[in-house]
Structures are given as C-alpha cells and as structure tokens.
Protein backbone atom coordinates (compact mmCIF):
# COMPACT_ATOMS: atom_id res chain seq x y z
CA MET A 1 -5.11 43.58 -0.11
CA ARG A 2 -3.18 41.03 1.88
CA GLY A 3 0.18 42.37 2.97
CA ILE A 4 3.38 40.42 2.60
CA PHE A 5 4.04 40.58 6.34
CA ARG A 6 0.51 39.81 7.49
CA ARG A 7 0.63 37.38 10.36
CA ARG A 8 -1.88 34.59 10.38
CA ILE A 9 -3.89 34.06 13.53
CA GLY A 10 -3.08 30.80 15.32
CA MET A 11 -4.97 27.58 14.95
CA PRO A 12 -8.32 27.60 16.78
CA ALA A 13 -8.24 26.32 20.34
CA GLY A 14 -9.08 22.65 20.52
CA GLU A 15 -8.23 22.05 16.84
CA ARG A 16 -4.50 21.41 17.26
CA PRO A 17 -3.93 17.68 16.61
CA GLU A 18 -1.72 15.41 18.64
CA LEU A 19 1.58 15.00 16.81
CA ALA A 20 4.27 12.34 16.78
CA ARG A 21 7.55 13.22 18.45
CA ASP A 22 9.28 14.11 15.16
CA GLU A 23 6.19 15.64 13.51
CA ARG A 24 5.62 19.36 13.04
CA ILE A 25 2.86 21.48 11.53
CA VAL A 26 3.80 23.20 8.26
CA ALA A 27 0.40 24.67 7.27
CA TRP A 28 -3.29 24.53 8.15
CA ALA A 29 -6.61 25.81 6.92
CA GLY A 30 -10.14 25.84 8.28
CA THR A 31 -13.01 24.03 6.59
CA SER A 32 -16.70 23.87 7.41
CA GLY A 33 -16.04 20.56 9.22
CA GLY A 34 -12.92 21.51 11.16
CA VAL A 35 -9.28 22.02 10.26
CA LEU A 36 -6.98 20.45 7.65
CA VAL A 37 -3.44 20.28 9.03
CA ALA A 38 -0.35 19.62 6.91
CA THR A 39 2.63 18.21 8.77
CA ASN A 40 6.00 16.96 7.64
CA HIS A 41 4.46 13.43 7.78
CA GLY A 42 1.18 14.00 5.95
CA LEU A 43 -2.25 15.57 6.10
CA ILE A 44 -4.52 15.40 9.14
CA LEU A 45 -8.16 15.60 8.09
CA PRO A 46 -11.04 17.10 10.07
CA GLY A 47 -12.01 14.44 12.58
CA GLY A 48 -8.42 13.25 13.02
CA ASP A 49 -7.93 10.76 10.16
CA ARG A 50 -4.46 10.95 8.63
CA LEU A 51 -3.13 10.52 5.12
CA GLY A 52 0.60 10.18 4.61
CA TRP A 53 1.90 12.16 1.64
CA HIS A 54 2.59 8.82 -0.07
CA GLN A 55 -1.08 7.84 0.33
CA ILE A 56 -2.47 10.74 -1.67
CA HIS A 57 -2.94 9.83 -5.35
CA LYS A 58 -4.33 13.14 -6.48
CA ALA A 59 -4.77 16.56 -4.95
CA THR A 60 -6.33 19.44 -6.87
CA TRP A 61 -6.86 23.03 -5.83
CA SER A 62 -9.59 25.08 -7.55
CA GLY A 63 -8.81 28.32 -5.75
CA THR A 64 -11.53 27.72 -3.17
CA GLU A 65 -11.67 23.93 -2.74
CA LEU A 66 -9.04 21.26 -2.12
CA VAL A 67 -10.01 17.84 -3.50
CA LEU A 68 -8.09 14.78 -2.31
CA VAL A 69 -8.13 11.29 -3.81
CA PRO A 70 -6.43 8.77 -1.52
CA ALA A 71 -4.92 5.43 -2.45
CA VAL A 72 -6.88 2.39 -1.26
CA VAL A 73 -4.98 -0.87 -0.83
CA ILE A 74 -6.42 -3.65 -3.01
CA ASP A 75 -3.77 -6.33 -2.46
CA GLU A 76 -0.37 -6.84 -0.84
CA VAL A 77 2.11 -8.62 -3.09
CA ASP A 78 5.69 -9.54 -2.22
CA GLY A 79 7.61 -6.31 -2.70
CA PHE A 80 4.75 -4.00 -3.72
CA THR A 81 1.17 -3.02 -3.03
CA ILE A 82 -1.68 -2.86 -5.53
CA VAL A 83 -3.78 0.26 -5.01
CA ALA A 84 -6.78 1.99 -6.55
CA ASP A 85 -8.25 5.46 -6.23
CA GLY A 86 -10.39 5.86 -3.15
CA PRO A 87 -13.39 8.17 -3.00
CA ALA A 88 -12.59 11.85 -3.51
CA SER A 89 -13.11 14.23 -0.60
CA ALA A 90 -13.63 17.96 -1.16
CA TYR A 91 -12.67 20.59 1.39
CA PRO A 92 -13.79 24.18 0.77
CA LEU A 93 -11.17 26.45 2.36
CA THR A 94 -12.11 29.98 3.37
CA GLU A 95 -8.54 31.07 4.19
CA PRO A 96 -6.26 28.52 2.52
CA GLY A 97 -2.97 30.18 3.44
CA ASP A 98 -0.05 27.97 2.42
CA LEU A 99 -1.97 24.70 2.72
CA PRO A 100 -2.66 24.03 -1.01
CA GLN A 101 0.96 24.81 -1.91
CA GLN A 102 2.30 22.59 0.88
CA VAL A 103 0.03 19.72 -0.18
CA ARG A 104 1.18 20.00 -3.80
CA GLU A 105 4.87 20.24 -2.94
CA ARG A 106 4.85 17.42 -0.42
CA VAL A 107 2.80 14.98 -2.51
CA THR A 108 5.07 15.69 -5.50
CA ARG A 109 8.20 15.33 -3.37
CA SER A 110 7.04 11.93 -2.11
CA VAL A 111 7.20 10.52 -5.65
CA ALA A 112 10.64 9.12 -6.47
CA LEU A 113 9.51 7.28 -9.61
CA SER A 114 6.28 7.11 -11.59
CA VAL A 115 6.14 5.18 -14.83
CA HIS A 116 3.28 3.86 -16.96
CA HIS A 117 3.42 0.54 -18.83
CA GLY A 118 1.07 -1.23 -21.19
CA VAL A 119 0.09 -4.78 -20.24
CA ASP A 120 -2.28 -7.36 -21.73
CA GLY A 121 -5.69 -5.71 -21.95
CA GLY A 122 -4.69 -2.33 -20.53
CA GLY A 123 -2.00 -0.64 -18.53
CA LEU A 124 -0.60 0.10 -15.11
CA ARG A 125 1.34 2.76 -13.26
CA ILE A 126 4.25 1.83 -11.02
CA ALA A 127 5.18 4.36 -8.38
CA ALA A 128 7.99 4.44 -5.85
CA ARG A 129 7.20 6.82 -3.00
CA ARG A 130 9.17 8.20 -0.07
CA VAL A 131 7.51 7.70 3.32
CA PRO A 132 8.51 10.17 6.05
CA GLY A 133 10.31 8.41 8.87
CA HIS A 134 11.05 5.25 6.86
CA ASP A 135 14.17 4.24 4.97
CA GLY A 136 13.82 3.18 1.37
CA LEU A 137 10.88 3.45 -0.98
CA THR A 138 7.34 2.09 -0.94
CA TRP A 139 6.34 0.52 -4.26
CA THR A 140 2.78 0.58 -5.57
CA VAL A 141 0.96 -0.50 -8.72
CA ARG A 142 -2.25 1.10 -9.90
CA TYR A 143 -4.06 -0.59 -12.80
CA ASP A 144 -5.74 1.55 -15.44
CA PRO A 145 -9.54 1.36 -15.53
CA GLY A 146 -10.58 -1.75 -17.44
CA THR A 147 -7.32 -3.61 -16.83
CA ASP A 148 -7.89 -7.04 -15.27
CA GLY A 149 -5.36 -7.02 -12.45
CA SER A 150 -6.45 -10.49 -11.36
CA SER A 151 -5.45 -12.08 -14.67
CA PRO A 152 -2.46 -14.44 -14.21
CA GLU A 153 -0.80 -13.00 -17.33
CA VAL A 154 -1.20 -9.43 -16.08
CA ARG A 155 0.07 -10.40 -12.61
CA THR A 156 3.17 -12.02 -14.13
CA GLN A 157 3.81 -8.93 -16.28
CA THR A 158 3.26 -6.69 -13.26
CA THR A 159 5.75 -8.56 -11.08
CA SER A 160 8.33 -8.45 -13.87
CA LEU A 161 7.81 -4.71 -14.51
CA VAL A 162 8.11 -3.87 -10.79
CA ALA A 163 11.34 -5.91 -10.57
CA GLU A 164 12.73 -4.00 -13.58
CA ALA A 165 11.73 -0.67 -12.03
CA LYS A 166 13.41 -1.57 -8.73
CA ALA A 167 16.58 -2.62 -10.54
CA SER A 168 16.78 0.69 -12.39
C-alpha cells in the first residue's frame, strides 16, 4: 500500500528538460519512450516536443495510459484560429503519480469559454483559452465532422459567432 507520506524518487538523470525562466515542473511520469513532464506552461513529451495546455483538445486517463489529442492549426483568421484534432498519442505510465491529475486540471483551467453552435450543414465549437505567460485569451474554432468550414456561408456565420462570443 502506498503511504500518504511516501516520497517519490527524483526524475531520472538526463531526463530533466530545459525550462524557460518562469517555468517550473509540477509533475512527471516515466513512459517506455522517456518521461512526460508537466510544467506550469504545458506538457513536455518524450523527445522534447511541447504542448501548451491550450493546445491539448482532449486528454483521457484509463488508469494505466494517458491519451492526448492535440489541436492542429488548419487556418489563421483575423481574431481566431481554426483547428482540428491531431493524431492521438498514447503514453502508458507505470508510476503516474500526480501527472494525470495535473494534466486534467491544467487543461480544464486553460478553458475560459467553450460553446457549441449549429451552422449551415453542421456545427462548430468556439473556445477561448488562457495561454500561460500571455495576456488575454486565444480564440479557436473547431468544426464538427462533416461541417464544410470552407463554405463562404459557414465562414460568415463563424466570424459572426466568434465576434458575439468575444463581446460576451
């Protein structure tokens, strides 16, 4: 049984990532391919790639595996970014520690607003996210599967809906 005061052994030598001046590690866990490191800015993946908390669309924890779905930028529009789900990555964690909880809390905390709207031929989700180290919010739109985001009518509706969301 794991005791309440059990101290976790430090991060393996050579696995500690380089951090920004105002960045600090809040949790970490080993995987078969290295170490996942949660910081106050985001998640550092094995191999050194980084995902800001605002860049993670979905994160699920099965009890043994953390699955991440990042946002992939499709288009930059004046005042917002159109994104889609990127490929999911699964990380089996042998000793997860606080990492799954930190990921959940920090991804959730990054969301200031998330609202779904119907548009011609489908729907979209508008999200306003907090980005560590930046003032204000980052606005994104994610079209539902099957929604034609390139349609002029849908683009006009999207721009109007984002403007309304920003005004509220």
